[in-house]
């Protein structure tokens, strides 16, 4: 079903002239602030997975609570109840560090959702009995086990969360791809997801480092197309225990992914599975349903680095959402932010190639670092390859190489189908990669 489009996101969007808030830029609210990363002092990258709660002084992420609304929720531990009416909450934590916040949960249909948020006040003695609230009522008692590593805490009353409520709305300014915006009453506006109006499903940007274009592919998949109705494995069928929505299939000999939606339910006389080069008859579990399929075409979008600094945001068509990767103009390669072992975060070049160590002699005595570079349809490889270090990819390796196998046998190395061996340059020093600095909007 299509999402209901709305014209206004927040009251401020209805303003005129110089006071008009552009929803496609991203704005902090009075309480919830945008989290950004700066490179060379310039905020480039917005973290769209979390915000900063300026009142609680905590990062928070959007969660759906038991009332069906969305709230920006800080890191929490569980709070349970110490009475059979489920009216007296107590916090439960693991480890020696006291959690700053707790939440009670409500269980419905096997899924637990936050129902209230509490602040940690002080340590407490372990209670004799505990209860939890579910669709069946206040369920229990449960009995804590001595020495199980749990610690208990006195909590305050439920915290007010109206300012943490986030609405998710889709403006009607895009014909095919409508962006989902997180908004609050006090001014937060940020695009966080995408809906494909033509396919009537949510989609996400396919991560394609160093490629000139990308696609908005289905966010939720029911699995892969793995079975066929003929002994040659040429007539694919979608299998499910329920009613499927979308499934994916990797095109043979490529890295290309095709997406399929189910059509009518079918009753094949037999079902086959491709295993390697063979098409093998398969016995399916009882209750498996089979459906015909039709290919769906995700929306295609151009990727374009934007900016004048070394690290540049990658714009995706006309969307507000930028690519999850950045572009390092100095290294001429897409990069992604990585947390290093010393706590620093740097933008490290991204590639579809892989780094491995082989040997130049048939006794496997002399090591040679090698980049395995895919040369298949739909692959785009940048100029660098990563392993424990980052190396520039050199020319195709001209000679024979060897590998150690089980039992320390040295044998000729044969690259996987679709991959070519390339030499590599020396490891690049980490200081050569742009340093990311966390910035929170004032």
Protein backbone atom coordinates (compact mmCIF):
# COMPACT_ATOMS: atom_id res chain seq x y z
CA UNK A 1 0.00 0.00 0.00
CA UNK A 2 1.31 3.47 -0.81
CA UNK A 3 2.22 5.79 2.02
CA UNK A 4 -0.18 8.67 2.48
CA UNK A 5 1.51 11.80 1.15
CA UNK A 6 1.37 14.99 3.13
CA UNK A 7 2.09 18.52 2.02
CA UNK A 8 3.52 19.99 5.23
CA UNK A 9 6.10 18.33 7.44
CA UNK A 10 6.02 20.68 10.37
CA UNK A 11 4.42 24.04 11.01
CA UNK A 12 7.60 25.82 9.95
CA UNK A 13 7.40 24.34 6.46
CA UNK A 14 4.26 26.33 5.79
CA UNK A 15 6.09 29.61 6.34
CA UNK A 16 6.91 31.98 3.51
CA UNK A 17 9.85 34.02 2.30
CA UNK A 18 13.13 33.95 4.20
CA UNK A 19 11.62 31.90 7.05
CA UNK A 20 10.89 28.90 4.84
CA UNK A 21 12.49 25.73 6.20
CA UNK A 22 13.89 23.53 3.46
CA UNK A 23 13.14 19.91 4.46
CA UNK A 24 15.79 18.63 2.05
CA UNK A 25 18.66 20.23 3.97
CA UNK A 26 18.18 18.78 7.46
CA UNK A 27 17.61 20.84 10.60
CA UNK A 28 18.00 20.23 14.32
CA UNK A 29 15.11 20.73 16.70
CA UNK A 30 15.16 22.59 20.00
CA UNK A 31 15.87 19.35 21.90
CA UNK A 32 16.95 16.70 19.38
CA UNK A 33 20.11 17.74 17.54
CA UNK A 34 21.62 16.44 14.32
CA UNK A 35 24.86 14.49 14.63
CA UNK A 36 27.43 15.32 11.96
CA UNK A 37 31.04 14.46 11.10
CA UNK A 38 33.47 17.15 10.03
CA UNK A 39 36.53 16.76 7.81
CA UNK A 40 39.11 19.59 7.87
CA UNK A 41 36.67 21.54 10.02
CA UNK A 42 33.78 21.31 7.54
CA UNK A 43 30.68 19.29 8.59
CA UNK A 44 30.11 16.99 5.63
CA UNK A 45 28.39 13.84 6.81
CA UNK A 46 25.07 13.59 8.70
CA UNK A 47 24.58 10.52 10.88
CA UNK A 48 21.01 9.55 9.95
CA UNK A 49 20.85 6.64 12.41
CA UNK A 50 20.90 8.68 15.63
CA UNK A 51 20.36 12.12 17.18
CA UNK A 52 21.64 13.84 20.33
CA UNK A 53 19.16 14.54 23.12
CA UNK A 54 20.36 17.88 24.48
CA UNK A 55 18.26 17.49 27.63
CA UNK A 56 19.29 13.96 28.62
CA UNK A 57 22.81 14.50 27.19
CA UNK A 58 22.57 11.15 25.42
CA UNK A 59 22.58 9.91 21.85
CA UNK A 60 19.23 8.39 20.89
CA UNK A 61 17.73 6.42 18.01
CA UNK A 62 14.17 6.23 16.70
CA UNK A 63 12.23 3.26 18.11
CA UNK A 64 8.58 2.26 17.84
CA UNK A 65 7.05 2.07 21.32
CA UNK A 66 4.11 -0.01 22.52
CA UNK A 67 1.66 2.85 21.78
CA UNK A 68 2.62 2.63 18.09
CA UNK A 69 4.35 6.03 18.08
CA UNK A 70 8.04 6.66 17.37
CA UNK A 71 10.36 8.10 20.02
CA UNK A 72 14.06 8.94 20.03
CA UNK A 73 15.20 6.48 22.67
CA UNK A 74 18.55 6.59 24.51
CA UNK A 75 20.54 3.42 25.27
CA UNK A 76 18.48 1.55 27.85
CA UNK A 77 18.47 -1.49 30.08
CA UNK A 78 15.27 -3.29 31.04
CA UNK A 79 13.09 -2.32 33.97
CA UNK A 80 10.74 -4.97 35.38
CA UNK A 81 8.19 -4.92 38.19
CA UNK A 82 8.40 -5.93 41.83
CA UNK A 83 4.67 -6.40 42.43
CA UNK A 84 1.93 -8.52 40.88
CA UNK A 85 0.05 -5.42 39.64
CA UNK A 86 3.05 -4.26 37.57
CA UNK A 87 3.00 -0.78 39.11
CA UNK A 88 6.41 -0.68 40.87
CA UNK A 89 9.38 -0.67 38.47
CA UNK A 90 12.97 -1.61 39.22
CA UNK A 91 15.96 -1.38 36.87
CA UNK A 92 18.03 -4.41 35.89
CA UNK A 93 21.59 -4.11 34.61
CA UNK A 94 24.52 -6.34 33.69
CA UNK A 95 28.10 -5.40 34.40
CA UNK A 96 29.59 -3.00 36.91
CA UNK A 97 28.72 0.23 35.07
CA UNK A 98 25.26 1.46 36.16
CA UNK A 99 23.00 2.12 33.13
CA UNK A 100 21.77 5.75 33.15
CA UNK A 101 18.29 4.86 31.83
CA UNK A 102 15.87 1.98 31.99
CA UNK A 103 12.66 1.12 30.15
CA UNK A 104 9.72 -1.10 30.89
CA UNK A 105 8.48 -3.21 28.00
CA UNK A 106 5.11 -4.49 26.86
CA UNK A 107 5.05 -7.83 25.06
CA UNK A 108 2.50 -8.37 22.29
CA UNK A 109 2.54 -11.31 19.90
CA UNK A 110 6.05 -12.29 20.96
CA UNK A 111 7.43 -8.79 20.29
CA UNK A 112 8.52 -6.54 23.16
CA UNK A 113 8.23 -2.76 22.81
CA UNK A 114 9.22 0.06 25.15
CA UNK A 115 6.31 1.36 27.20
CA UNK A 116 7.98 3.89 29.56
CA UNK A 117 11.39 5.45 30.18
CA UNK A 118 13.00 5.83 33.63
CA UNK A 119 16.10 7.50 35.06
CA UNK A 120 18.48 5.52 37.28
CA UNK A 121 18.49 6.93 40.82
CA UNK A 122 20.60 4.57 42.96
CA UNK A 123 21.50 0.94 43.60
CA UNK A 124 18.94 -1.46 45.06
CA UNK A 125 18.88 -4.88 46.69
CA UNK A 126 17.87 -7.79 44.48
CA UNK A 127 14.11 -8.36 44.83
CA UNK A 128 12.73 -11.77 45.75
CA UNK A 129 10.27 -11.87 42.82
CA UNK A 130 9.78 -10.09 39.50
CA UNK A 131 6.92 -9.58 37.01
CA UNK A 132 6.63 -8.42 33.40
CA UNK A 133 3.72 -6.85 31.53
CA UNK A 134 2.35 -8.62 28.44
CA UNK A 135 -0.87 -8.90 26.47
CA UNK A 136 -1.90 -11.53 29.04
CA UNK A 137 -1.55 -9.02 31.88
CA UNK A 138 1.06 -8.85 34.61
CA UNK A 139 2.94 -12.14 34.19
CA UNK A 140 5.07 -13.77 36.88
CA UNK A 141 6.50 -14.19 39.31
CA UNK A 142 10.05 -14.79 38.09
CA UNK A 143 12.79 -15.52 40.60
CA UNK A 144 16.23 -13.89 40.30
CA UNK A 145 19.15 -16.28 40.56
CA UNK A 146 21.91 -15.39 42.96
CA UNK A 147 25.22 -14.76 41.23
CA UNK A 148 23.73 -14.36 37.74
CA UNK A 149 25.57 -11.06 37.23
CA UNK A 150 22.48 -8.84 37.38
CA UNK A 151 22.41 -5.63 39.40
CA UNK A 152 19.26 -3.78 40.46
CA UNK A 153 18.53 -0.07 40.65
CA UNK A 154 15.92 2.26 42.07
CA UNK A 155 14.30 4.27 39.28
CA UNK A 156 12.38 7.52 39.31
CA UNK A 157 8.92 8.03 37.90
CA UNK A 158 8.28 7.67 34.15
CA UNK A 159 10.04 10.48 32.25
CA UNK A 160 7.95 12.74 29.99
CA UNK A 161 8.66 11.84 26.39
CA UNK A 162 6.42 14.12 24.33
CA UNK A 163 9.49 16.08 23.15
CA UNK A 164 11.08 12.80 22.04
CA UNK A 165 8.20 11.84 19.76
CA UNK A 166 9.23 11.70 16.12
CA UNK A 167 6.75 11.69 13.26
CA UNK A 168 7.61 9.97 9.99
CA UNK A 169 6.05 11.69 6.99
CA UNK A 170 6.42 11.52 3.22
CA UNK A 171 6.11 14.81 1.32
CA UNK A 172 4.51 14.75 -2.12
CA UNK A 173 7.33 16.46 -4.05
CA UNK A 174 8.73 13.36 -5.76
CA UNK A 175 6.93 11.41 -8.47
CA UNK A 176 8.50 7.98 -7.98
CA UNK A 177 10.76 8.10 -4.90
CA UNK A 178 9.24 9.74 -1.84
CA UNK A 179 11.62 10.37 1.03
CA UNK A 180 10.58 9.56 4.58
CA UNK A 181 11.28 12.51 6.89
CA UNK A 182 11.74 12.38 10.65
CA UNK A 183 10.17 15.50 12.18
CA UNK A 184 9.42 16.83 15.65
CA UNK A 185 7.11 19.58 16.84
CA UNK A 186 10.10 21.73 17.85
CA UNK A 187 11.74 21.84 14.42
CA UNK A 188 13.73 18.67 13.69
CA UNK A 189 13.59 17.73 10.00
CA UNK A 190 15.72 15.00 8.42
CA UNK A 191 15.25 12.59 5.53
CA UNK A 192 15.86 9.08 6.87
CA UNK A 193 14.45 6.60 4.33
CA UNK A 194 12.89 6.24 0.86
CA UNK A 195 9.60 4.87 -0.47
CA UNK A 196 9.22 3.73 -4.08
CA UNK A 197 5.74 4.94 -5.03
CA UNK A 198 5.73 2.96 -8.29
CA UNK A 199 6.66 -0.38 -6.71
CA UNK A 200 4.72 0.43 -3.51
CA UNK A 201 7.54 -0.60 -1.19
CA UNK A 202 10.31 0.95 0.90
CA UNK A 203 13.72 0.96 -0.73
CA UNK A 204 17.30 1.76 0.20
CA UNK A 205 20.31 2.94 -1.77
CA UNK A 206 22.47 0.10 -3.05
CA UNK A 207 26.04 0.63 -1.86
CA UNK A 208 28.12 0.86 -5.05
CA UNK A 209 31.57 2.30 -4.29
CA UNK A 210 33.18 4.24 -7.14
CA UNK A 211 30.23 3.63 -9.47
CA UNK A 212 28.64 6.46 -11.50
CA UNK A 213 25.11 5.36 -10.56
CA UNK A 214 23.17 3.40 -7.97
CA UNK A 215 19.69 1.93 -7.52
CA UNK A 216 17.07 2.20 -4.80
CA UNK A 217 16.55 -1.49 -4.08
CA UNK A 218 13.84 -3.10 -1.87
CA UNK A 219 14.60 -2.68 1.83
CA UNK A 220 12.93 -5.93 2.89
CA UNK A 221 13.52 -9.21 1.08
CA UNK A 222 11.92 -12.60 1.61
CA UNK A 223 15.10 -14.35 0.56
CA UNK A 224 16.61 -15.47 -2.73
CA UNK A 225 15.34 -17.20 -5.85
CA UNK A 226 16.98 -20.61 -5.51
CA UNK A 227 14.54 -23.09 -7.08
CA UNK A 228 13.12 -23.92 -10.50
CA UNK A 229 10.23 -25.87 -11.97
CA UNK A 230 12.20 -27.57 -14.76
CA UNK A 231 15.11 -30.02 -14.84
CA UNK A 232 17.29 -27.47 -16.69
CA UNK A 233 16.92 -24.83 -13.95
CA UNK A 234 15.71 -22.15 -16.36
CA UNK A 235 12.17 -21.52 -15.00
CA UNK A 236 12.54 -19.89 -11.57
CA UNK A 237 9.90 -20.11 -8.86
CA UNK A 238 9.53 -18.29 -5.51
CA UNK A 239 9.08 -20.51 -2.44
CA UNK A 240 7.63 -19.46 0.90
CA UNK A 241 5.77 -20.80 3.91
CA UNK A 242 3.53 -17.72 3.80
CA UNK A 243 2.78 -15.04 1.22
CA UNK A 244 6.09 -13.59 -0.02
CA UNK A 245 6.71 -10.03 -1.20
CA UNK A 246 10.09 -9.54 -2.92
CA UNK A 247 13.07 -11.85 -3.47
CA UNK A 248 16.50 -11.37 -5.03
CA UNK A 249 18.63 -13.39 -7.41
CA UNK A 250 22.29 -12.94 -8.37
CA UNK A 251 22.78 -13.27 -12.11
CA UNK A 252 25.12 -16.19 -12.88
CA UNK A 253 28.74 -15.16 -13.48
CA UNK A 254 28.16 -11.55 -12.36
CA UNK A 255 27.61 -9.48 -9.23
CA UNK A 256 24.35 -8.14 -10.68
CA UNK A 257 21.26 -8.59 -8.49
CA UNK A 258 17.78 -8.90 -9.99
CA UNK A 259 14.62 -8.42 -7.93
CA UNK A 260 11.34 -10.27 -8.33
CA UNK A 261 7.81 -9.94 -7.02
CA UNK A 262 5.45 -12.95 -6.73
CA UNK A 263 2.56 -13.48 -9.12
CA UNK A 264 0.01 -16.30 -8.87
CA UNK A 265 0.50 -19.33 -6.66
CA UNK A 266 1.46 -22.41 -8.68
CA UNK A 267 1.60 -26.15 -8.06
CA UNK A 268 4.68 -27.51 -9.89
CA UNK A 269 4.97 -31.22 -10.51
CA UNK A 270 8.56 -31.07 -9.25
CA UNK A 271 11.00 -28.46 -7.97
CA UNK A 272 14.73 -28.32 -8.72
CA UNK A 273 17.68 -26.52 -7.15
CA UNK A 274 20.90 -25.45 -8.86
CA UNK A 275 23.94 -26.77 -6.99
CA UNK A 276 27.14 -25.69 -8.72
CA UNK A 277 26.74 -26.62 -12.36
CA UNK A 278 24.06 -29.22 -11.69
CA UNK A 279 20.28 -28.94 -11.55
CA UNK A 280 19.11 -31.29 -8.80
CA UNK A 281 15.61 -32.48 -7.85
CA UNK A 282 14.71 -31.15 -4.41
CA UNK A 283 12.23 -32.44 -1.85
CA UNK A 284 10.54 -29.46 -0.16
CA UNK A 285 9.28 -29.39 3.43
CA UNK A 286 5.55 -29.78 3.99
CA UNK A 287 3.68 -26.49 3.87
CA UNK A 288 5.97 -24.84 1.30
CA UNK A 289 4.06 -22.67 -1.19
CA UNK A 290 5.28 -21.86 -4.72
CA UNK A 291 4.65 -18.67 -6.68
CA UNK A 292 5.38 -17.46 -10.18
CA UNK A 293 7.56 -14.36 -10.39
CA UNK A 294 7.90 -11.14 -12.35
CA UNK A 295 11.03 -9.00 -12.45
CA UNK A 296 10.82 -5.51 -10.97
CA UNK A 297 13.06 -2.61 -11.97
CA UNK A 298 14.48 -0.50 -9.12
CA UNK A 299 14.83 3.22 -9.76
CA UNK A 300 18.27 4.17 -11.11
CA UNK A 301 19.99 7.30 -9.76
CA UNK A 302 23.21 9.13 -10.62
CA UNK A 303 25.99 9.42 -8.01
CA UNK A 304 27.80 12.76 -8.06
CA UNK A 305 30.44 14.02 -5.58
CA UNK A 306 29.51 17.49 -4.37
CA UNK A 307 31.70 20.11 -2.71
CA UNK A 308 35.09 21.73 -2.99
CA UNK A 309 36.95 20.16 -0.05
CA UNK A 310 38.98 16.97 0.02
CA UNK A 311 36.11 14.92 1.46
CA UNK A 312 32.90 15.36 -0.51
CA UNK A 313 29.33 14.24 -0.01
CA UNK A 314 27.96 12.08 -2.83
CA UNK A 315 24.63 13.39 -4.05
CA UNK A 316 22.11 10.84 -5.32
CA UNK A 317 19.96 12.24 -8.12
CA UNK A 318 17.62 14.84 -6.62
CA UNK A 319 17.23 13.06 -3.28
CA UNK A 320 17.90 14.73 0.05
CA UNK A 321 19.51 11.53 1.29
CA UNK A 322 23.16 11.40 0.35
CA UNK A 323 25.05 8.19 -0.35
CA UNK A 324 26.26 6.30 2.71
CA UNK A 325 29.77 6.63 1.25
CA UNK A 326 31.84 9.81 0.85
CA UNK A 327 34.36 10.72 -1.85
CA UNK A 328 38.02 11.45 -1.15
CA UNK A 329 38.99 13.87 -3.95
CA UNK A 330 42.70 13.62 -3.13
CA UNK A 331 42.80 9.83 -3.43
CA UNK A 332 40.15 9.84 -6.21
CA UNK A 333 38.20 7.09 -4.43
CA UNK A 334 35.01 6.64 -2.45
CA UNK A 335 35.57 6.13 1.27
CA UNK A 336 33.64 5.21 4.39
CA UNK A 337 34.12 6.27 8.00
CA UNK A 338 35.85 3.58 10.07
CA UNK A 339 36.50 3.53 13.83
CA UNK A 340 40.16 2.58 14.31
CA UNK A 341 41.62 0.72 17.28
CA UNK A 342 42.89 3.91 18.95
CA UNK A 343 39.44 5.52 18.84
CA UNK A 344 40.07 7.77 15.84
CA UNK A 345 37.62 7.69 12.94
CA UNK A 346 38.95 8.14 9.42
CA UNK A 347 37.48 7.90 5.92
CA UNK A 348 39.03 4.74 4.47
CA UNK A 349 38.92 3.98 0.70
CA UNK A 350 36.28 1.42 -0.25
CA UNK A 351 36.65 -1.19 -2.96
CA UNK A 352 35.03 -4.38 -4.20
CA UNK A 353 38.47 -5.99 -4.48
CA UNK A 354 40.11 -7.99 -1.70
CA UNK A 355 43.67 -8.28 -0.43
CA UNK A 356 45.32 -11.66 0.03
CA UNK A 357 48.82 -13.05 0.56
CA UNK A 358 50.21 -15.59 -1.92
CA UNK A 359 53.68 -16.91 -2.71
CA UNK A 360 55.98 -16.38 -5.68
CA UNK A 361 57.68 -19.81 -5.50
CA UNK A 362 56.49 -23.42 -5.48
CA UNK A 363 57.86 -23.97 -1.97
CA UNK A 364 55.62 -21.17 -0.58
CA UNK A 365 58.58 -19.40 1.03
CA UNK A 366 58.35 -15.88 -0.43
CA UNK A 367 55.15 -13.94 0.32
CA UNK A 368 53.54 -11.62 -2.22
CA UNK A 369 50.59 -9.32 -1.37
CA UNK A 370 48.01 -9.54 -4.14
CA UNK A 371 44.75 -7.76 -4.91
CA UNK A 372 41.98 -9.97 -6.24
CA UNK A 373 40.06 -7.59 -8.49
CA UNK A 374 36.60 -8.56 -9.79
CA UNK A 375 36.10 -8.00 -13.50
CA UNK A 376 32.47 -9.03 -13.80
CA UNK A 377 29.37 -7.26 -14.98
CA UNK A 378 28.07 -4.80 -12.35
CA UNK A 379 31.45 -4.62 -10.53
CA UNK A 380 33.25 -1.30 -10.23
CA UNK A 381 36.65 -1.41 -8.53
CA UNK A 382 38.37 1.68 -7.19
CA UNK A 383 42.11 2.33 -7.12
CA UNK A 384 42.65 0.84 -3.64
CA UNK A 385 42.21 -2.47 -1.87
CA UNK A 386 41.89 -3.04 1.87
CA UNK A 387 42.94 -5.76 4.27
CA UNK A 388 44.80 -5.06 7.49
CA UNK A 389 46.23 -2.10 5.54
CA UNK A 390 45.23 -0.07 2.48
CA UNK A 391 47.19 -0.51 -0.75
CA UNK A 392 47.00 1.04 -4.21
CA UNK A 393 46.08 -1.55 -6.85
CA UNK A 394 48.81 -2.05 -9.42
CA UNK A 395 48.97 -3.76 -12.81
CA UNK A 396 47.69 -7.31 -13.43
CA UNK A 397 50.20 -9.81 -12.03
CA UNK A 398 51.94 -11.48 -15.00
CA UNK A 399 53.26 -14.70 -13.49
CA UNK A 400 52.19 -17.80 -11.63
CA UNK A 401 51.52 -17.64 -7.89
CA UNK A 402 51.12 -20.29 -5.21
CA UNK A 403 49.10 -20.86 -2.04
CA UNK A 404 49.35 -23.04 1.05
CA UNK A 405 46.52 -25.54 1.39
CA UNK A 406 45.45 -28.09 3.98
CA UNK A 407 48.42 -30.03 5.28
CA UNK A 408 50.82 -27.20 4.32
CA UNK A 409 50.84 -28.28 0.70
CA UNK A 410 52.08 -25.62 -1.74
CA UNK A 411 50.10 -25.54 -4.96
CA UNK A 412 49.37 -23.23 -7.87
CA UNK A 413 46.79 -20.57 -7.03
CA UNK A 414 43.79 -20.29 -9.35
CA UNK A 415 41.78 -17.06 -8.93
CA UNK A 416 38.03 -17.41 -8.44
CA UNK A 417 35.97 -17.08 -11.60
CA UNK A 418 35.61 -13.44 -12.58
CA UNK A 419 38.63 -12.25 -10.56
CA UNK A 420 42.08 -11.15 -11.79
CA UNK A 421 45.31 -10.97 -9.75
CA UNK A 422 46.90 -7.53 -9.47
CA UNK A 423 50.05 -6.39 -7.74
CA UNK A 424 49.77 -3.78 -5.00
CA UNK A 425 51.78 -0.80 -3.84
CA UNK A 426 53.13 -0.29 -0.32
CA UNK A 427 50.72 0.14 2.59
CA UNK A 428 49.43 3.68 2.92
CA UNK A 429 50.02 5.31 6.33
CA UNK A 430 46.82 5.87 8.29
CA UNK A 431 47.59 9.60 8.55
CA UNK A 432 46.97 9.80 4.81
CA UNK A 433 43.24 9.17 5.34
CA UNK A 434 40.96 12.07 6.31
CA UNK A 435 40.20 12.37 10.04
CA UNK A 436 36.51 12.56 11.03
CA UNK A 437 35.48 14.71 13.97
CA UNK A 438 32.12 14.32 15.70
CA UNK A 439 30.06 17.54 15.68
CA UNK A 440 26.70 18.07 17.37
CA UNK A 441 24.50 20.95 16.27
CA UNK A 442 24.25 23.73 18.88
